Amino acid sequence: MLTIERLTKKFGSHVVLNEIDMSIEKNDFYGLVGKNGAGKTTLINLIAGINQPDEGKILFNHQPLSSEYKDLIGLMPDSEGLPKNSNGYDFLNYMGKLKKVNLSQSEIKQLLNNVCLDVSKHLSIKKYSFGMKKKLAIAQALIGEPQIIILDEPTSGVDPESAIHLRRLFTDLHNAGKTILLTSHNLEEVEKMCNKLSFIENGHLSVSGEIATLIKNNQSSIQLIITFETAYTHDELLGKTKNLPFTFDLEYRNNRMIIDCSTLAINQILSLLLQLEDFKIVELATEKNNLEQILF
């Protein structure tokens, strides 16, 4: 659906994106992650056709981006750029007209209900909270049932209950056949909702692909969490356990031992620990790798 080839964007002498290659298929739920300033917002602005690349190209169904392509997009704008002296109803009505969609009052009300925004018609946007502005920006992106929905940090700054509601909404939209591109700092959110991701670092894609495949390919290691009782001092126990086999990292938190180790070594590690005098395993748990462990 969308093909990005050797995309480069500079601001002055600063290279924000450097030869980005990625592909977004129809009905993908694609996550873009990275630190602040990594280039995520710049990339979605290029994909939306707001800015133009210095080098490289973006193709939609193998063709250059056109005005017809822009009609298929629902883009969540920067919530701080909303017209402060307007109200939410008038703003959505105005944006609908720009998109050649005549919205009835009931349709506007439904858009607001979809994003869990219960607000008076007479309340100006300048009196909205940060989270309310985010919801209004998302509602605007959904006008006209776009095929491609682009969301920039949609749940950041939103209260937890509303964030859960919005994630369900995005999942429902994806299940209905929409293609969604989302930027987020919340890796747990990305892992739950998205099927693909790209990690942007210093203007490059350092990790990119199917999330399930990325996690599967990194499951040769596991986190072993052991709650214990012992008569050893901390230093004594550290000395006895610092050379456990196939251990990549070992951390103590009070009476818990957290070991990153090879999955093949779990039995051997437990056997060695059980041979220690005055050491008793009270509880044992394991955690598989997640996106946070893979990316960082």
C-alpha atoms as a PDB file:
ATOM      1  CA  MET A   1       0.000   0.000   0.000  1.00  0.00           C
ATOM      2  CA  LEU A   2       2.722   2.484   1.064  1.00  0.00           C
ATOM      3  CA  THR A   3       6.317   2.045  -0.030  1.00  0.00           C
ATOM      4  CA  ILE A   4       9.049   4.307   1.365  1.00  0.00           C
ATOM      5  CA  GLU A   5      12.402   4.211  -0.381  1.00  0.00           C
ATOM      6  CA  ARG A   6      15.641   5.866   0.788  1.00  0.00           C
ATOM      7  CA  LEU A   7      13.699   8.706   2.395  1.00  0.00           C
ATOM      8  CA  THR A   8      15.899  11.563   3.638  1.00  0.00           C
ATOM      9  CA  LYS A   9      14.820  14.799   5.301  1.00  0.00           C
ATOM     10  CA  LYS A  10      17.037  17.644   6.493  1.00  0.00           C
ATOM     11  CA  PHE A  11      16.338  20.848   8.355  1.00  0.00           C
ATOM     12  CA  GLY A  12      19.238  23.094   7.517  1.00  0.00           C
ATOM     13  CA  SER A  13      22.369  21.024   8.011  1.00  0.00           C
ATOM     14  CA  HIS A  14      20.640  18.665  10.473  1.00  0.00           C
ATOM     15  CA  VAL A  15      19.698  15.291   8.978  1.00  0.00           C
ATOM     16  CA  VAL A  16      16.488  14.193  10.720  1.00  0.00           C
ATOM     17  CA  LEU A  17      15.793  11.104   8.595  1.00  0.00           C
ATOM     18  CA  ASN A  18      18.500   9.304   6.665  1.00  0.00           C
ATOM     19  CA  GLU A  19      17.643   6.837   3.884  1.00  0.00           C
ATOM     20  CA  ILE A  20      14.543   5.334   5.497  1.00  0.00           C
ATOM     21  CA  ASP A  21      13.140   2.191   3.838  1.00  0.00           C
ATOM     22  CA  MET A  22       9.845   0.711   5.012  1.00  0.00           C
ATOM     23  CA  SER A  23       6.645  -0.795   3.689  1.00  0.00           C
ATOM     24  CA  ILE A  24       3.112  -0.496   5.082  1.00  0.00           C
ATOM     25  CA  GLU A  25       0.594  -3.017   3.776  1.00  0.00           C
ATOM     26  CA  LYS A  26      -3.180  -2.619   3.625  1.00  0.00           C
ATOM     27  CA  ASN A  27      -4.761  -3.211   7.086  1.00  0.00           C
ATOM     28  CA  ASP A  28      -1.404  -2.998   8.900  1.00  0.00           C
ATOM     29  CA  PHE A  29      -1.433  -1.542  12.401  1.00  0.00           C
ATOM     30  CA  TYR A  30       2.042  -0.043  12.251  1.00  0.00           C
ATOM     31  CA  GLY A  31       3.849   1.381  15.270  1.00  0.00           C
ATOM     32  CA  LEU A  32       6.618   3.977  15.082  1.00  0.00           C
ATOM     33  CA  VAL A  33       8.702   4.179  18.242  1.00  0.00           C
ATOM     34  CA  GLY A  34      11.799   6.078  19.254  1.00  0.00           C
ATOM     35  CA  LYS A  35      13.106   8.716  21.626  1.00  0.00           C
ATOM     36  CA  ASN A  36      12.023  12.353  21.515  1.00  0.00           C
ATOM     37  CA  GLY A  37      13.559  14.023  18.484  1.00  0.00           C
ATOM     38  CA  ALA A  38      14.196  10.720  16.710  1.00  0.00           C
ATOM     39  CA  GLY A  39      12.181  11.811  13.661  1.00  0.00           C
ATOM     40  CA  LYS A  40       8.823  10.077  14.185  1.00  0.00           C
ATOM     41  CA  THR A  41       6.658  13.173  13.653  1.00  0.00           C
ATOM     42  CA  THR A  42       8.782  14.250  10.683  1.00  0.00           C
ATOM     43  CA  LEU A  43       8.231  10.839   9.093  1.00  0.00           C
ATOM     44  CA  ILE A  44       4.444  10.880   9.504  1.00  0.00           C
ATOM     45  CA  ASN A  45       4.295  14.442   8.126  1.00  0.00           C
ATOM     46  CA  LEU A  46       6.139  13.191   5.044  1.00  0.00           C
ATOM     47  CA  ILE A  47       3.821  10.198   4.738  1.00  0.00           C
ATOM     48  CA  ALA A  48       0.812  12.513   5.040  1.00  0.00           C
ATOM     49  CA  GLY A  49       2.207  14.731   2.284  1.00  0.00           C
ATOM     50  CA  ILE A  50       2.503  17.802   4.535  1.00  0.00           C
ATOM     51  CA  ASN A  51       6.259  18.066   3.954  1.00  0.00           C
ATOM     52  CA  GLN A  52       8.374  16.921   1.038  1.00  0.00           C
ATOM     53  CA  PRO A  53      11.503  14.759   1.333  1.00  0.00           C
ATOM     54  CA  ASP A  54      14.922  16.046   0.293  1.00  0.00           C
ATOM     55  CA  GLU A  55      15.741  12.657  -1.187  1.00  0.00           C
ATOM     56  CA  GLY A  56      13.921   9.382  -1.750  1.00  0.00           C
ATOM     57  CA  LYS A  57      10.240   8.804  -2.427  1.00  0.00           C
ATOM     58  CA  ILE A  58       6.939   7.642  -0.999  1.00  0.00           C
ATOM     59  CA  LEU A  59       4.616   5.605  -3.217  1.00  0.00           C
ATOM     60  CA  PHE A  60       0.950   4.756  -2.652  1.00  0.00           C
ATOM     61  CA  ASN A  61      -0.037   1.642  -4.595  1.00  0.00           C
ATOM     62  CA  HIS A  62       3.161   2.117  -6.630  1.00  0.00           C
ATOM     63  CA  GLN A  63       2.235   5.693  -7.608  1.00  0.00           C
ATOM     64  CA  PRO A  64       3.527   9.084  -6.337  1.00  0.00           C
ATOM     65  CA  LEU A  65       1.368  10.729  -3.677  1.00  0.00           C
ATOM     66  CA  SER A  66      -1.545  12.692  -5.137  1.00  0.00           C
ATOM     67  CA  SER A  67      -4.481  14.786  -3.968  1.00  0.00           C
ATOM     68  CA  GLU A  68      -6.645  11.655  -4.249  1.00  0.00           C
ATOM     69  CA  TYR A  69      -4.285   9.914  -1.816  1.00  0.00           C
ATOM     70  CA  LYS A  70      -4.685  12.748   0.698  1.00  0.00           C
ATOM     71  CA  ASP A  71      -8.468  12.277   0.569  1.00  0.00           C
ATOM     72  CA  LEU A  72      -7.959   8.755   1.924  1.00  0.00           C
ATOM     73  CA  ILE A  73      -6.015   9.920   5.001  1.00  0.00           C
ATOM     74  CA  GLY A  74      -7.214  10.825   8.461  1.00  0.00           C
ATOM     75  CA  LEU A  75      -4.397  12.708  10.182  1.00  0.00           C
ATOM     76  CA  MET A  76      -4.403  13.574  13.872  1.00  0.00           C
ATOM     77  CA  PRO A  77      -3.097  17.150  14.085  1.00  0.00           C
ATOM     78  CA  ASP A  78      -0.961  18.620  16.846  1.00  0.00           C
ATOM     79  CA  SER A  79      -3.488  19.206  19.633  1.00  0.00           C
ATOM     80  CA  GLU A  80      -1.803  22.463  20.610  1.00  0.00           C
ATOM     81  CA  GLY A  81      -2.450  23.821  17.111  1.00  0.00           C
ATOM     82  CA  LEU A  82      -6.254  23.595  17.341  1.00  0.00           C
ATOM     83  CA  PRO A  83      -8.176  26.889  16.917  1.00  0.00           C
ATOM     84  CA  LYS A  84      -8.511  28.077  20.518  1.00  0.00           C
ATOM     85  CA  ASN A  85     -11.439  30.465  19.992  1.00  0.00           C
ATOM     86  CA  SER A  86     -13.617  27.856  18.271  1.00  0.00           C
ATOM     87  CA  ASN A  87     -15.588  25.125  20.032  1.00  0.00           C
ATOM     88  CA  GLY A  88     -15.318  21.413  19.355  1.00  0.00           C
ATOM     89  CA  TYR A  89     -18.556  21.165  17.381  1.00  0.00           C
ATOM     90  CA  ASP A  90     -17.761  24.075  15.084  1.00  0.00           C
ATOM     91  CA  PHE A  91     -14.218  22.814  14.593  1.00  0.00           C
ATOM     92  CA  LEU A  92     -15.376  19.348  13.505  1.00  0.00           C
ATOM     93  CA  ASN A  93     -18.026  20.883  11.252  1.00  0.00           C
ATOM     94  CA  TYR A  94     -15.372  23.109   9.634  1.00  0.00           C
ATOM     95  CA  MET A  95     -12.927  20.236   9.158  1.00  0.00           C
ATOM     96  CA  GLY A  96     -15.711  18.141   7.663  1.00  0.00           C
ATOM     97  CA  LYS A  97     -16.364  20.823   5.038  1.00  0.00           C
ATOM     98  CA  LEU A  98     -12.636  20.918   4.206  1.00  0.00           C
ATOM     99  CA  LYS A  99     -12.858  17.167   3.653  1.00  0.00           C
ATOM    100  CA  LYS A 100     -16.038  17.613   1.579  1.00  0.00           C
ATOM    101  CA  VAL A 101     -18.092  15.830   4.250  1.00  0.00           C
ATOM    102  CA  ASN A 102     -21.273  17.509   5.504  1.00  0.00           C
ATOM    103  CA  LEU A 103     -21.600  16.434   9.118  1.00  0.00           C
ATOM    104  CA  SER A 104     -24.934  16.536  10.908  1.00  0.00           C
ATOM    105  CA  GLN A 105     -25.061  17.441  14.595  1.00  0.00           C
ATOM    106  CA  SER A 106     -25.745  13.792  15.442  1.00  0.00           C
ATOM    107  CA  GLU A 107     -22.698  12.694  13.427  1.00  0.00           C
ATOM    108  CA  ILE A 108     -20.524  15.236  15.234  1.00  0.00           C
ATOM    109  CA  LYS A 109     -21.900  13.979  18.543  1.00  0.00           C
ATOM    110  CA  GLN A 110     -21.068  10.412  17.507  1.00  0.00           C
ATOM    111  CA  LEU A 111     -17.479  11.384  16.617  1.00  0.00           C
ATOM    112  CA  LEU A 112     -17.092  12.918  20.081  1.00  0.00           C
ATOM    113  CA  ASN A 113     -18.657   9.872  21.726  1.00  0.00           C
ATOM    114  CA  ASN A 114     -16.248   7.617  19.814  1.00  0.00           C
ATOM    115  CA  VAL A 115     -13.287   9.319  21.497  1.00  0.00           C
ATOM    116  CA  CYS A 116     -15.011   9.564  24.901  1.00  0.00           C
ATOM    117  CA  LEU A 117     -15.269  13.374  24.816  1.00  0.00           C
ATOM    118  CA  ASP A 118     -18.376  14.710  26.562  1.00  0.00           C
ATOM    119  CA  VAL A 119     -18.225  18.478  26.140  1.00  0.00           C
ATOM    120  CA  SER A 120     -20.623  21.397  25.844  1.00  0.00           C
ATOM    121  CA  LYS A 121     -21.186  22.980  22.426  1.00  0.00           C
ATOM    122  CA  HIS A 122     -20.418  26.356  23.945  1.00  0.00           C
ATOM    123  CA  LEU A 123     -17.073  25.544  25.606  1.00  0.00           C
ATOM    124  CA  SER A 124     -14.195  27.059  23.631  1.00  0.00           C
ATOM    125  CA  ILE A 125     -11.203  24.858  22.826  1.00  0.00           C
ATOM    126  CA  LYS A 126      -8.885  27.191  24.759  1.00  0.00           C
ATOM    127  CA  LYS A 127     -10.647  25.964  27.915  1.00  0.00           C
ATOM    128  CA  TYR A 128     -10.116  22.282  27.067  1.00  0.00           C
ATOM    129  CA  SER A 129      -7.592  20.282  29.044  1.00  0.00           C
ATOM    130  CA  PHE A 130      -4.608  18.778  27.218  1.00  0.00           C
ATOM    131  CA  GLY A 131      -6.307  15.378  27.168  1.00  0.00           C
ATOM    132  CA  MET A 132      -9.558  16.853  25.790  1.00  0.00           C
ATOM    133  CA  LYS A 133      -7.637  18.514  22.961  1.00  0.00           C
ATOM    134  CA  LYS A 134      -6.032  15.159  22.142  1.00  0.00           C
ATOM    135  CA  LYS A 135      -9.442  13.510  21.909  1.00  0.00           C
ATOM    136  CA  LEU A 136     -10.778  16.274  19.662  1.00  0.00           C
ATOM    137  CA  ALA A 137      -7.744  15.922  17.383  1.00  0.00           C
ATOM    138  CA  ILE A 138      -8.408  12.176  17.124  1.00  0.00           C
ATOM    139  CA  ALA A 139     -12.107  12.754  16.396  1.00  0.00           C
ATOM    140  CA  GLN A 140     -11.101  15.075  13.537  1.00  0.00           C
ATOM    141  CA  ALA A 141      -8.874  12.349  12.081  1.00  0.00           C
ATOM    142  CA  LEU A 142     -11.876   9.999  11.846  1.00  0.00           C
ATOM    143  CA  ILE A 143     -14.084  12.315   9.748  1.00  0.00           C
ATOM    144  CA  GLY A 144     -15.159  10.682   6.496  1.00  0.00           C
ATOM    145  CA  GLU A 145     -14.062   7.160   7.489  1.00  0.00           C
ATOM    146  CA  PRO A 146     -10.535   7.405   6.013  1.00  0.00           C
ATOM    147  CA  GLN A 147      -8.745   4.289   4.792  1.00  0.00           C
ATOM    148  CA  ILE A 148      -5.444   5.316   6.401  1.00  0.00           C
ATOM    149  CA  ILE A 149      -5.430   6.769   9.927  1.00  0.00           C
ATOM    150  CA  ILE A 150      -2.268   8.480  11.182  1.00  0.00           C
ATOM    151  CA  LEU A 151      -2.038   9.047  14.942  1.00  0.00           C
ATOM    152  CA  ASP A 152       0.780  10.918  16.689  1.00  0.00           C
ATOM    153  CA  GLU A 153       1.005   9.960  20.398  1.00  0.00           C
ATOM    154  CA  PRO A 154      -2.808   9.635  20.653  1.00  0.00           C
ATOM    155  CA  THR A 155      -2.988   8.455  24.289  1.00  0.00           C
ATOM    156  CA  SER A 156      -0.176  10.562  25.739  1.00  0.00           C
ATOM    157  CA  GLY A 157      -1.609  12.898  28.382  1.00  0.00           C
ATOM    158  CA  VAL A 158      -5.022  11.207  28.312  1.00  0.00           C
ATOM    159  CA  ASP A 159      -6.496   9.849  31.544  1.00  0.00           C
ATOM    160  CA  PRO A 160      -6.120   6.035  31.991  1.00  0.00           C
ATOM    161  CA  GLU A 161      -9.813   5.210  31.513  1.00  0.00           C
ATOM    162  CA  SER A 162      -9.991   7.198  28.278  1.00  0.00           C
ATOM    163  CA  ALA A 163      -6.701   5.690  27.070  1.00  0.00           C
ATOM    164  CA  ILE A 164      -8.193   2.209  27.441  1.00  0.00           C
ATOM    165  CA  HIS A 165     -11.315   3.338  25.548  1.00  0.00           C
ATOM    166  CA  LEU A 166      -9.209   4.840  22.740  1.00  0.00           C
ATOM    167  CA  ARG A 167      -7.078   1.709  22.383  1.00  0.00           C
ATOM    168  CA  ARG A 168     -10.273  -0.333  22.002  1.00  0.00           C
ATOM    169  CA  LEU A 169     -11.493   2.150  19.384  1.00  0.00           C
ATOM    170  CA  PHE A 170      -8.248   1.873  17.404  1.00  0.00           C
ATOM    171  CA  THR A 171      -8.380  -1.923  17.577  1.00  0.00           C
ATOM    172  CA  ASP A 172     -11.992  -1.891  16.346  1.00  0.00           C
ATOM    173  CA  LEU A 173     -11.008   0.394  13.449  1.00  0.00           C
ATOM    174  CA  HIS A 174      -8.149  -1.929  12.553  1.00  0.00           C
ATOM    175  CA  ASN A 175     -10.448  -4.963  12.713  1.00  0.00           C
ATOM    176  CA  ALA A 176     -12.833  -3.110  10.378  1.00  0.00           C
ATOM    177  CA  GLY A 177     -10.093  -2.968   7.743  1.00  0.00           C
ATOM    178  CA  LYS A 178      -8.443   0.399   8.409  1.00  0.00           C
ATOM    179  CA  THR A 179      -4.702   0.846   7.992  1.00  0.00           C
ATOM    180  CA  ILE A 180      -3.293   2.629  11.040  1.00  0.00           C
ATOM    181  CA  LEU A 181       0.087   4.283  11.576  1.00  0.00           C
ATOM    182  CA  LEU A 182       0.730   5.208  15.195  1.00  0.00           C
ATOM    183  CA  THR A 183       3.626   6.839  17.040  1.00  0.00           C
ATOM    184  CA  SER A 184       3.944   6.096  20.738  1.00  0.00           C
ATOM    185  CA  HIS A 185       6.396   6.048  23.623  1.00  0.00           C
ATOM    186  CA  ASN A 186       4.292   3.342  25.269  1.00  0.00           C
ATOM    187  CA  LEU A 187       5.900   0.074  24.140  1.00  0.00           C
ATOM    188  CA  GLU A 188       3.311  -2.031  25.964  1.00  0.00           C
ATOM    189  CA  GLU A 189       0.613  -0.206  23.989  1.00  0.00           C
ATOM    190  CA  VAL A 190       2.439  -0.830  20.698  1.00  0.00           C
ATOM    191  CA  GLU A 191       2.986  -4.505  21.521  1.00  0.00           C
ATOM    192  CA  LYS A 192      -0.708  -5.033  22.339  1.00  0.00           C
ATOM    193  CA  MET A 193      -2.187  -3.233  19.322  1.00  0.00           C
ATOM    194  CA  CYS A 194       0.291  -3.197  16.438  1.00  0.00           C
ATOM    195  CA  ASN A 195       1.339  -6.034  14.137  1.00  0.00           C
ATOM    196  CA  LYS A 196       4.461  -4.241  12.839  1.00  0.00           C
ATOM    197  CA  LEU A 197       6.867  -1.631  14.132  1.00  0.00           C
ATOM    198  CA  SER A 198       9.894   0.425  13.219  1.00  0.00           C
ATOM    199  CA  PHE A 199      12.288   1.786  15.825  1.00  0.00           C
ATOM    200  CA  ILE A 200      13.803   5.107  14.759  1.00  0.00           C
ATOM    201  CA  GLU A 201      17.183   5.963  16.207  1.00  0.00           C
ATOM    202  CA  ASN A 202      19.384   8.859  15.083  1.00  0.00           C
ATOM    203  CA  GLY A 203      17.442   9.177  11.838  1.00  0.00           C
ATOM    204  CA  HIS A 204      17.748   5.482  10.938  1.00  0.00           C
ATOM    205  CA  LEU A 205      15.487   2.456  11.352  1.00  0.00           C
ATOM    206  CA  SER A 206      17.527   0.316  13.741  1.00  0.00           C
ATOM    207  CA  VAL A 207      14.789  -2.334  14.143  1.00  0.00           C
ATOM    208  CA  SER A 208      11.872  -2.980  11.809  1.00  0.00           C
ATOM    209  CA  GLY A 209       9.481  -5.841  11.121  1.00  0.00           C
ATOM    210  CA  GLU A 210       6.622  -8.001  12.363  1.00  0.00           C
ATOM    211  CA  ILE A 211       6.339  -7.686  16.152  1.00  0.00           C
ATOM    212  CA  ALA A 212       5.543 -11.372  16.648  1.00  0.00           C
ATOM    213  CA  THR A 213       8.626 -12.341  14.637  1.00  0.00           C
ATOM    214  CA  LEU A 214      10.886  -9.892  16.480  1.00  0.00           C
ATOM    215  CA  ILE A 215       9.787 -11.297  19.841  1.00  0.00           C
ATOM    216  CA  LYS A 216      10.035 -14.923  18.671  1.00  0.00           C
ATOM    217  CA  ASN A 217      13.564 -14.373  17.359  1.00  0.00           C
ATOM    218  CA  ASN A 218      14.631 -13.042  20.752  1.00  0.00           C
ATOM    219  CA  GLN A 219      13.226 -15.820  22.902  1.00  0.00           C
ATOM    220  CA  SER A 220      16.503 -17.716  23.275  1.00  0.00           C
ATOM    221  CA  SER A 221      16.843 -15.800  26.551  1.00  0.00           C
ATOM    222  CA  ILE A 222      14.423 -15.390  29.432  1.00  0.00           C
ATOM    223  CA  GLN A 223      14.140 -13.537  32.709  1.00  0.00           C
ATOM    224  CA  LEU A 224      14.169 -15.817  35.741  1.00  0.00           C
ATOM    225  CA  ILE A 225      12.735 -14.240  38.920  1.00  0.00           C
ATOM    226  CA  ILE A 226      13.528 -16.057  42.166  1.00  0.00           C
ATOM    227  CA  THR A 227      12.175 -15.078  45.578  1.00  0.00           C
ATOM    228  CA  PHE A 228      14.377 -16.607  48.279  1.00  0.00           C
ATOM    229  CA  GLU A 229      15.222 -16.872  51.953  1.00  0.00           C
ATOM    230  CA  THR A 230      18.851 -17.090  53.062  1.00  0.00           C
ATOM    231  CA  ALA A 231      21.216 -16.692  55.974  1.00  0.00           C
ATOM    232  CA  TYR A 232      23.906 -15.302  53.685  1.00  0.00           C
ATOM    233  CA  THR A 233      24.724 -11.615  53.659  1.00  0.00           C
ATOM    234  CA  HIS A 234      24.200  -9.772  50.386  1.00  0.00           C
ATOM    235  CA  ASP A 235      27.933  -9.756  49.614  1.00  0.00           C
ATOM    236  CA  GLU A 236      28.284 -13.461  50.452  1.00  0.00           C
ATOM    237  CA  LEU A 237      25.370 -14.387  48.197  1.00  0.00           C
ATOM    238  CA  LEU A 238      26.666 -12.175  45.408  1.00  0.00           C
ATOM    239  CA  GLY A 239      30.027 -13.905  45.591  1.00  0.00           C
ATOM    240  CA  LYS A 240      28.438 -17.354  45.367  1.00  0.00           C
ATOM    241  CA  THR A 241      26.172 -16.545  42.437  1.00  0.00           C
ATOM    242  CA  LYS A 242      28.116 -14.098  40.266  1.00  0.00           C
ATOM    243  CA  ASN A 243      29.409 -16.860  37.956  1.00  0.00           C
ATOM    244  CA  LEU A 244      26.186 -18.738  37.261  1.00  0.00           C
ATOM    245  CA  PRO A 245      26.383 -20.389  33.800  1.00  0.00           C
ATOM    246  CA  PHE A 246      24.788 -18.792  30.713  1.00  0.00           C
ATOM    247  CA  THR A 247      23.793 -15.721  32.732  1.00  0.00           C
ATOM    248  CA  PHE A 248      23.714 -12.442  30.830  1.00  0.00           C
ATOM    249  CA  ASP A 249      22.690 -10.242  33.753  1.00  0.00           C
ATOM    250  CA  LEU A 250      22.112 -10.763  37.474  1.00  0.00           C
ATOM    251  CA  GLU A 251      20.327  -8.298  39.763  1.00  0.00           C
ATOM    252  CA  TYR A 252      19.229  -8.408  43.398  1.00  0.00           C
ATOM    253  CA  ARG A 253      16.171  -6.575  44.713  1.00  0.00           C
ATOM    254  CA  ASN A 254      15.849  -7.245  48.434  1.00  0.00           C
ATOM    255  CA  ASN A 255      14.985 -10.954  48.628  1.00  0.00           C
ATOM    256  CA  ARG A 256      14.505 -11.366  44.877  1.00  0.00           C
ATOM    257  CA  MET A 257      17.070 -12.515  42.357  1.00  0.00           C
ATOM    258  CA  ILE A 258      16.437 -11.481  38.735  1.00  0.00           C
ATOM    259  CA  ILE A 259      18.474 -13.405  36.187  1.00  0.00           C
ATOM    260  CA  ASP A 260      18.586 -12.832  32.434  1.00  0.00           C
ATOM    261  CA  CYS A 261      19.772 -16.145  31.100  1.00  0.00           C
ATOM    262  CA  SER A 262      19.616 -18.660  28.285  1.00  0.00           C
ATOM    263  CA  THR A 263      16.421 -20.730  28.274  1.00  0.00           C
ATOM    264  CA  LEU A 264      18.607 -23.822  27.997  1.00  0.00           C
ATOM    265  CA  ALA A 265      20.337 -23.035  31.296  1.00  0.00           C
ATOM    266  CA  ILE A 266      17.345 -22.692  33.648  1.00  0.00           C
ATOM    267  CA  ASN A 267      17.538 -26.211  35.085  1.00  0.00           C
ATOM    268  CA  GLN A 268      21.301 -25.983  35.573  1.00  0.00           C
ATOM    269  CA  ILE A 269      21.049 -22.611  37.331  1.00  0.00           C
ATOM    270  CA  LEU A 270      18.300 -23.843  39.675  1.00  0.00           C
ATOM    271  CA  SER A 271      20.261 -26.995  40.442  1.00  0.00           C
ATOM    272  CA  LEU A 272      23.339 -24.972  41.452  1.00  0.00           C
ATOM    273  CA  LEU A 273      21.273 -22.615  43.617  1.00  0.00           C
ATOM    274  CA  LEU A 274      19.603 -25.515  45.422  1.00  0.00           C
ATOM    275  CA  GLN A 275      23.034 -26.883  46.330  1.00  0.00           C
ATOM    276  CA  LEU A 276      23.791 -23.761  48.367  1.00  0.00           C
ATOM    277  CA  GLU A 277      23.512 -24.178  52.124  1.00  0.00           C
ATOM    278  CA  ASP A 278      21.146 -21.795  53.936  1.00  0.00           C
ATOM    279  CA  PHE A 279      19.410 -20.846  50.680  1.00  0.00           C
ATOM    280  CA  LYS A 280      15.738 -21.605  50.058  1.00  0.00           C
ATOM    281  CA  ILE A 281      13.698 -20.844  46.933  1.00  0.00           C
ATOM    282  CA  VAL A 282      10.306 -19.535  48.040  1.00  0.00           C
ATOM    283  CA  GLU A 283       8.829 -18.575  44.681  1.00  0.00           C
ATOM    284  CA  LEU A 284       9.852 -18.929  41.044  1.00  0.00           C
ATOM    285  CA  ALA A 285       8.595 -17.019  37.989  1.00  0.00           C
ATOM    286  CA  THR A 286       9.717 -16.422  34.420  1.00  0.00           C
ATOM    287  CA  GLU A 287       9.111 -13.580  31.986  1.00  0.00           C
ATOM    288  CA  LYS A 288       9.662 -13.781  28.248  1.00  0.00           C
ATOM    289  CA  ASN A 289      11.234 -10.968  26.300  1.00  0.00           C
ATOM    290  CA  ASN A 290       9.040  -8.022  25.347  1.00  0.00           C
ATOM    291  CA  LEU A 291       9.609  -5.027  23.107  1.00  0.00           C
ATOM    292  CA  GLU A 292      11.279  -3.018  25.850  1.00  0.00           C
ATOM    293  CA  GLN A 293      13.916  -5.701  26.378  1.00  0.00           C
ATOM    294  CA  ILE A 294      14.449  -6.146  22.631  1.00  0.00           C
ATOM    295  CA  LEU A 295      14.754  -2.451  21.783  1.00  0.00           C
ATOM    296  CA  PHE A 296      16.611  -1.271  24.864  1.00  0.00           C
END
